[in-house]
Structures are given as C-alpha cells and as structure tokens.
Protein backbone atom coordinates (compact mmCIF):
# COMPACT_ATOMS: atom_id res chain seq x y z
CA MET A 1 11.98 -12.39 -46.14
CA ASN A 2 9.87 -10.92 -43.39
CA LYS A 3 11.78 -9.30 -40.56
CA PRO A 4 10.69 -8.46 -37.01
CA LEU A 5 8.80 -5.20 -36.75
CA CYS A 6 11.61 -3.38 -34.93
CA THR A 7 14.28 -4.42 -37.50
CA SER A 8 12.40 -4.42 -40.81
CA ALA A 9 13.57 -0.94 -41.86
CA THR A 10 15.78 1.87 -40.72
CA PHE A 11 12.71 4.05 -40.60
CA ALA A 12 11.23 1.81 -37.90
CA LEU A 13 14.07 2.53 -35.47
CA GLY A 14 12.51 5.69 -34.15
CA ALA A 15 9.10 4.07 -33.88
CA CYS A 16 10.56 1.08 -32.03
CA LEU A 17 12.37 3.33 -29.57
CA SER A 18 9.08 5.06 -28.88
CA VAL A 19 7.24 1.77 -28.39
CA LEU A 20 9.94 0.52 -26.02
CA ALA A 21 9.72 3.78 -24.10
CA LEU A 22 5.96 3.49 -23.86
CA ASP A 23 6.33 -0.06 -22.54
CA ALA A 24 8.81 1.20 -19.95
CA ASN A 25 6.49 4.04 -19.06
CA ALA A 26 3.55 1.77 -18.33
CA ILE A 27 2.81 2.03 -14.61
CA PRO A 28 3.81 -1.33 -13.07
CA ILE A 29 1.87 -2.06 -9.90
CA HIS A 30 2.96 -4.58 -7.29
CA THR A 31 0.01 -5.89 -5.28
CA PHE A 32 0.61 -7.52 -1.91
CA SER A 33 -1.22 -10.67 -0.87
CA LEU A 34 -2.45 -9.86 2.62
CA GLN A 35 -3.38 -13.49 3.09
CA ALA A 36 0.33 -14.39 2.98
CA ALA A 37 0.84 -12.60 6.31
CA THR A 38 -1.74 -14.63 8.23
CA GLY A 39 -0.37 -16.59 11.17
CA GLN A 40 2.71 -14.34 11.41
CA THR A 41 3.61 -11.58 13.85
CA SER A 42 5.84 -10.11 11.14
CA TYR A 43 5.87 -10.82 7.42
CA THR A 44 8.22 -9.45 4.77
CA TYR A 45 7.24 -9.22 1.11
CA ASN A 46 10.34 -9.85 -0.98
CA TRP A 47 10.19 -8.83 -4.62
CA VAL A 48 10.54 -11.61 -7.19
CA LEU A 49 11.92 -11.84 -10.70
CA GLY A 50 9.83 -9.73 -13.01
CA ASP A 51 8.97 -7.03 -10.49
CA PRO A 52 10.03 -3.51 -11.51
CA VAL A 53 12.36 -2.99 -8.55
CA ALA A 54 13.97 -5.54 -6.22
CA GLU A 55 12.98 -4.22 -2.80
CA SER A 56 11.04 -5.26 0.31
CA LEU A 57 8.25 -4.19 2.67
CA THR A 58 7.25 -5.65 6.06
CA LEU A 59 3.91 -5.89 7.90
CA SER A 60 3.71 -6.63 11.63
CA GLY A 61 0.97 -6.90 14.24
CA TRP A 62 1.18 -5.30 17.70
CA GLU A 63 -0.93 -5.23 20.85
CA LEU A 64 -0.72 -3.06 23.98
CA ASP A 65 -0.36 -5.50 26.88
CA SER A 66 0.32 -4.17 30.41
CA ASN A 67 1.34 -0.78 28.95
CA ALA A 68 3.89 -2.36 26.60
CA TRP A 69 3.60 -2.99 22.88
CA THR A 70 4.13 -6.68 22.19
CA PRO A 71 4.09 -8.68 18.90
CA ALA A 72 0.70 -10.13 17.96
CA THR A 73 -0.28 -12.61 15.24
CA MET A 74 -1.94 -11.23 12.11
CA LEU A 75 -5.03 -12.93 10.65
CA TYR A 76 -6.64 -12.69 7.23
CA LYS A 77 -10.41 -12.17 7.11
CA ASN A 78 -12.30 -12.91 3.89
CA GLN A 79 -15.99 -12.09 3.91
CA SER A 80 -17.93 -9.34 2.11
CA PRO A 81 -16.04 -6.70 0.03
CA GLY A 82 -15.77 -4.32 2.98
CA GLU A 83 -14.94 -7.10 5.43
CA THR A 84 -11.85 -8.44 3.68
CA GLY A 85 -8.36 -7.69 4.91
CA LEU A 86 -5.80 -8.22 7.65
CA GLY A 87 -6.55 -8.13 11.36
CA VAL A 88 -4.71 -8.99 14.59
CA HIS A 89 -5.28 -11.95 16.92
CA CYS A 90 -5.67 -11.24 20.63
CA ASN A 91 -2.83 -11.90 23.04
CA THR A 92 -5.24 -11.19 25.89
CA HIS A 93 -9.03 -11.56 26.09
CA PRO A 94 -10.56 -9.03 28.47
CA GLN A 95 -14.29 -8.96 28.96
CA GLY A 96 -16.09 -7.37 25.99
CA ASN A 97 -13.00 -7.34 23.80
CA SER A 98 -13.26 -6.91 20.03
CA CYS A 99 -10.64 -9.46 18.95
CA GLY A 100 -13.17 -12.19 18.32
CA GLN A 101 -13.85 -10.68 14.88
CA SER A 102 -10.23 -11.14 13.68
CA GLU A 103 -9.76 -7.41 13.15
CA ILE A 104 -7.47 -4.67 14.49
CA GLY A 105 -9.09 -3.94 17.83
CA THR A 106 -9.17 -1.36 20.59
CA THR A 107 -9.82 -3.68 23.54
CA PRO A 108 -7.00 -4.57 23.76
CA TRP A 109 -5.51 -1.78 21.62
CA GLN A 110 -3.83 -3.09 18.47
CA ILE A 111 -2.07 -1.76 15.37
CA ILE A 112 -0.73 -3.09 12.09
CA ASP A 113 2.64 -1.59 11.26
CA VAL A 114 3.72 -1.07 7.64
CA ASN A 115 7.51 -0.85 7.65
CA LEU A 116 8.41 1.03 4.50
CA GLY A 117 11.78 -0.72 4.50
CA ASP A 118 13.44 -0.47 1.11
CA VAL A 119 10.79 0.89 -1.23
CA SER A 120 12.58 3.99 -2.47
CA GLY A 121 12.41 2.75 -6.07
CA TYR A 122 8.63 2.94 -6.06
CA ASN A 123 6.66 6.17 -6.24
CA THR A 124 3.16 5.54 -4.91
CA LEU A 125 1.78 3.51 -2.01
CA SER A 126 -1.91 2.63 -1.78
CA VAL A 127 -3.19 1.50 1.62
CA GLY A 128 -6.74 1.19 2.87
CA ALA A 129 -8.92 0.42 5.89
CA GLY A 130 -12.00 -1.78 5.79
CA SER A 131 -14.84 -2.74 8.15
CA VAL A 132 -15.04 0.88 9.31
CA ASN A 133 -18.69 0.71 10.32
CA THR A 134 -20.89 0.85 13.42
CA ASP A 135 -18.80 -0.31 16.34
CA ASN A 136 -19.61 -2.88 19.00
CA SER A 137 -20.61 -0.43 21.69
CA ASN A 138 -23.11 2.40 22.06
CA THR A 139 -20.60 5.19 21.46
CA GLY A 140 -21.14 5.68 17.73
CA HIS A 141 -19.21 4.75 14.62
CA GLU A 142 -15.76 3.24 14.17
CA THR A 143 -12.85 5.38 12.98
CA ALA A 144 -9.69 4.36 11.10
CA TYR A 145 -6.55 6.31 11.99
CA LEU A 146 -3.42 6.24 9.82
CA TYR A 147 -0.20 7.50 11.38
CA GLY A 148 3.23 8.15 9.94
CA ALA A 149 5.90 7.09 12.42
CA THR A 150 9.47 8.32 12.62
CA CYS A 151 11.41 5.51 14.27
CA THR A 152 15.02 5.44 15.46
CA PRO A 153 17.41 2.45 15.66
CA ASP A 154 16.87 2.24 19.43
CA GLY A 155 13.19 1.40 18.86
CA GLY A 156 11.70 4.77 19.77
CA CYS A 157 8.94 6.03 17.45
CA THR A 158 7.10 9.34 17.13
CA PRO A 159 3.69 9.03 15.39
CA THR A 160 2.05 11.83 13.40
CA LEU A 161 -1.58 11.61 12.27
CA LEU A 162 -1.73 11.55 8.46
CA ASP A 163 -5.46 11.04 8.03
CA TRP A 164 -8.55 9.46 9.57
CA TYR A 165 -11.92 8.19 8.39
CA THR A 166 -15.17 7.75 10.33
CA PHE A 167 -17.99 5.62 8.97
CA PRO A 168 -20.72 8.01 7.73
CA GLY A 169 -23.44 5.35 7.64
CA GLY A 170 -24.84 3.30 4.80
CA SER A 171 -23.51 0.19 3.12
CA TYR A 172 -20.38 -0.77 1.16
CA PRO A 173 -18.33 1.10 -0.01
CA SER A 174 -19.08 3.56 2.80
CA ASP A 175 -17.31 1.26 5.25
CA VAL A 176 -13.93 1.41 3.47
CA VAL A 177 -11.35 4.09 2.75
CA SER A 178 -8.26 4.05 0.56
CA TRP A 179 -5.29 6.42 0.72
CA ASN A 180 -2.64 7.03 -1.95
CA PHE A 181 0.68 8.43 -0.81
CA SER A 182 3.83 9.60 -2.53
CA LEU A 183 6.53 7.35 -1.11
CA ASN A 184 9.12 10.02 -1.84
CA SER A 185 7.18 12.47 0.32
CA LEU A 186 6.74 9.96 3.16
CA LEU A 187 10.41 9.00 3.18
CA SER A 188 11.71 12.56 2.79
CA THR A 189 9.53 13.64 5.73
CA GLY A 190 11.30 11.02 7.82
CA TYR A 191 8.53 8.46 8.15
CA SER A 192 9.91 4.94 8.30
CA ASN A 193 6.59 3.26 9.19
CA LEU A 194 2.83 3.61 8.80
CA TRP A 195 0.48 2.57 11.63
CA LEU A 196 -3.16 1.64 11.07
CA THR A 197 -5.31 1.55 14.21
CA PRO A 198 -8.94 2.10 15.27
CA ASN A 199 -7.90 4.32 18.17
CA ALA A 200 -6.49 7.86 18.30
CA TRP A 201 -2.94 7.95 19.62
CA GLY A 202 -2.64 9.28 23.15
CA SER A 203 -6.27 8.55 24.02
CA THR A 204 -7.71 5.73 26.11
CA PRO A 205 -9.22 2.99 23.91
CA ASP A 206 -12.73 2.56 25.23
CA ASN A 207 -15.15 2.16 22.32
CA ASN A 208 -14.47 -1.52 21.54
CA GLY A 209 -14.15 -0.73 17.83
CA ASN A 210 -12.23 -2.73 15.22
CA ILE A 211 -11.11 -2.31 11.59
CA LEU A 212 -9.07 -4.13 8.93
CA LEU A 213 -6.06 -3.39 6.78
CA TRP A 214 -8.17 -3.51 3.64
CA GLY A 215 -7.40 -6.00 0.91
CA GLY A 216 -9.93 -4.50 -1.48
CA PRO A 217 -12.87 -6.34 -3.03
CA ASN A 218 -10.39 -7.96 -5.43
CA GLY A 219 -7.42 -7.99 -3.05
CA ASP A 220 -5.68 -5.16 -4.90
CA ALA A 221 -6.03 -2.20 -2.54
CA PHE A 222 -2.64 -2.62 -0.85
CA SER A 223 0.04 -1.95 -3.46
CA VAL A 224 2.95 0.12 -4.68
CA SER A 225 3.49 1.49 -8.18
CA VAL A 226 6.14 3.07 -10.38
CA VAL A 227 5.52 6.09 -12.60
CA PRO A 228 7.59 7.13 -15.66
CA GLU A 229 11.17 8.10 -14.94
CA PRO A 230 12.76 11.15 -16.67
CA ALA A 231 15.24 8.92 -18.56
CA GLU A 232 12.40 6.85 -19.98
CA LEU A 233 10.53 9.97 -21.04
CA GLY A 234 13.73 11.08 -22.79
CA LEU A 235 13.86 7.78 -24.69
CA PHE A 236 10.30 8.33 -25.86
CA GLY A 237 11.17 11.85 -27.01
CA LEU A 238 14.22 10.57 -28.90
CA GLY A 239 12.07 8.05 -30.73
CA ILE A 240 9.58 10.71 -31.81
CA LEU A 241 12.44 12.98 -32.95
CA MET A 242 13.99 10.23 -35.08
CA ILE A 243 10.65 9.50 -36.73
CA GLY A 244 10.39 13.16 -37.72
CA VAL A 245 13.97 13.35 -39.05
CA LEU A 246 13.69 10.15 -41.09
CA THR A 247 10.30 11.16 -42.50
CA ARG A 248 11.72 14.50 -43.67
CA ALA A 249 14.73 12.78 -45.26
CA ARG A 250 12.52 10.37 -47.20
CA ARG A 251 10.40 13.22 -48.54
CA ARG A 252 13.52 15.02 -49.84
CA ARG A 253 14.64 11.90 -51.77
CA ARG A 254 11.34 11.68 -53.69
C-alpha cells in the first residue's frame, strides 16, 4: 500500500521536517491593493485568513487648508507603469493647482500617511513613489520626499526625512523610486507613521509638483514581507540532523 511521502518510512521523518521548514521559511509577501483605498480619506487593510500574520495597516490622505491639516479623499490613478498609484483629491482648488491630475500635490500641499499600526510581525516594508517627473511649472523636476513620523496620542507628530528622490530625466522607470525598510528598525526608532509628499517639510510649497504612492507596474510595489524566523531555521536544522543520523544507522545495519 502506498503511503504519503511524509509517512512512508521512518527515514523520511527528517526529510519531511526539512521540507516543512523550507515551506515555513519561504518569504510570504502581502501586497496591498491601492485601488481599495480610492474614495476614502482613511482606509485600513485588515489581514485575512491565509495571511502569515493577522495584523493591520492604514493609509490616509491629508491636505493643508488654512494652515491646518485636514482629511482629504484618496484616488487611484491607473495609466502608464510610472503613472499608476494613489493620489489625493483636492479639498480646495486655487489657481494653478496640481490636484487635477489625481496625484499627491503641492498646491495645495498634500501627503499620504502610512500608519504602521500593528505590523510588528512582518519584517520588511516596500513603499514607492511614482510620477516623479518634470513638474507643472518652470522650476525643474519633481521630488518625492519620504518622512518617518513619531506621533503621540495627542496628535502631535515630529517628521524626520528618511530619503528623497528627484527625477533625473528620461523615461520609465526613471520616474519611479522604491524603498525597502526594516519594519523592526522603523518601529524601534519610534516611527509610527510614514509620510509621502512632493514637498520638503518646513518649506513653502511653490513648484506645483505632484507624485503618486506607487502601485508598481503590476500593482505589487506596496507590500510587507516575512523572513525566516530563528525557530523555523532550527526546525530545518533538526531535519537535516535526523537525516544524517538515520543514514548512518542504516549503513551500520548492512
């Protein structure tokens, strides 16, 4: 009678443990559908059955109106590979504003906030900016700024510039940038949020530029992933050890 691979012989036990460990050590990636956030000022991604860790992450749109940050509706833009992602709808429409392109603008100044929420079980966060190309004015190229924000329960936040990217010229993929961060490092540093904006913090937005929270050419540029845990690596090692012990025992019986 044929038996399942992992139960057909005692010798297979070690091999099966190793296979199971390898399966556990595969790097599961959870990709977020940016399109799901369209039409919302705030949208929370809740993990579903089958995801590696049951946690959550929230996106929200903001606009600076009358010197106060107010919620703004997020919009999904789906065009060319570099022009696909999440933008912010205008609350106000001043002359020459950049909101007509459904992107994160500077006139009025807007941001998309990534609230890291409860993602401590994941190890890596990938986030990108798209449509970082020649801006709508005569002042040069657009720039994407990514800030880490330390926020307190009373709503006060202190932003720190993590990185920035200015369009160097050319065609796609020169108009996009993708960053990979260790979530453990972000959280241990005290950052509770990430802010993506086309304007440097503390400066007057005056270049009428706009960018997108990039969804990637295949919609997979905004994601989190899990890497092997020490316990799983130990399981793999135990499997290899058992294979060696059983092999040696079989040779002695011959």
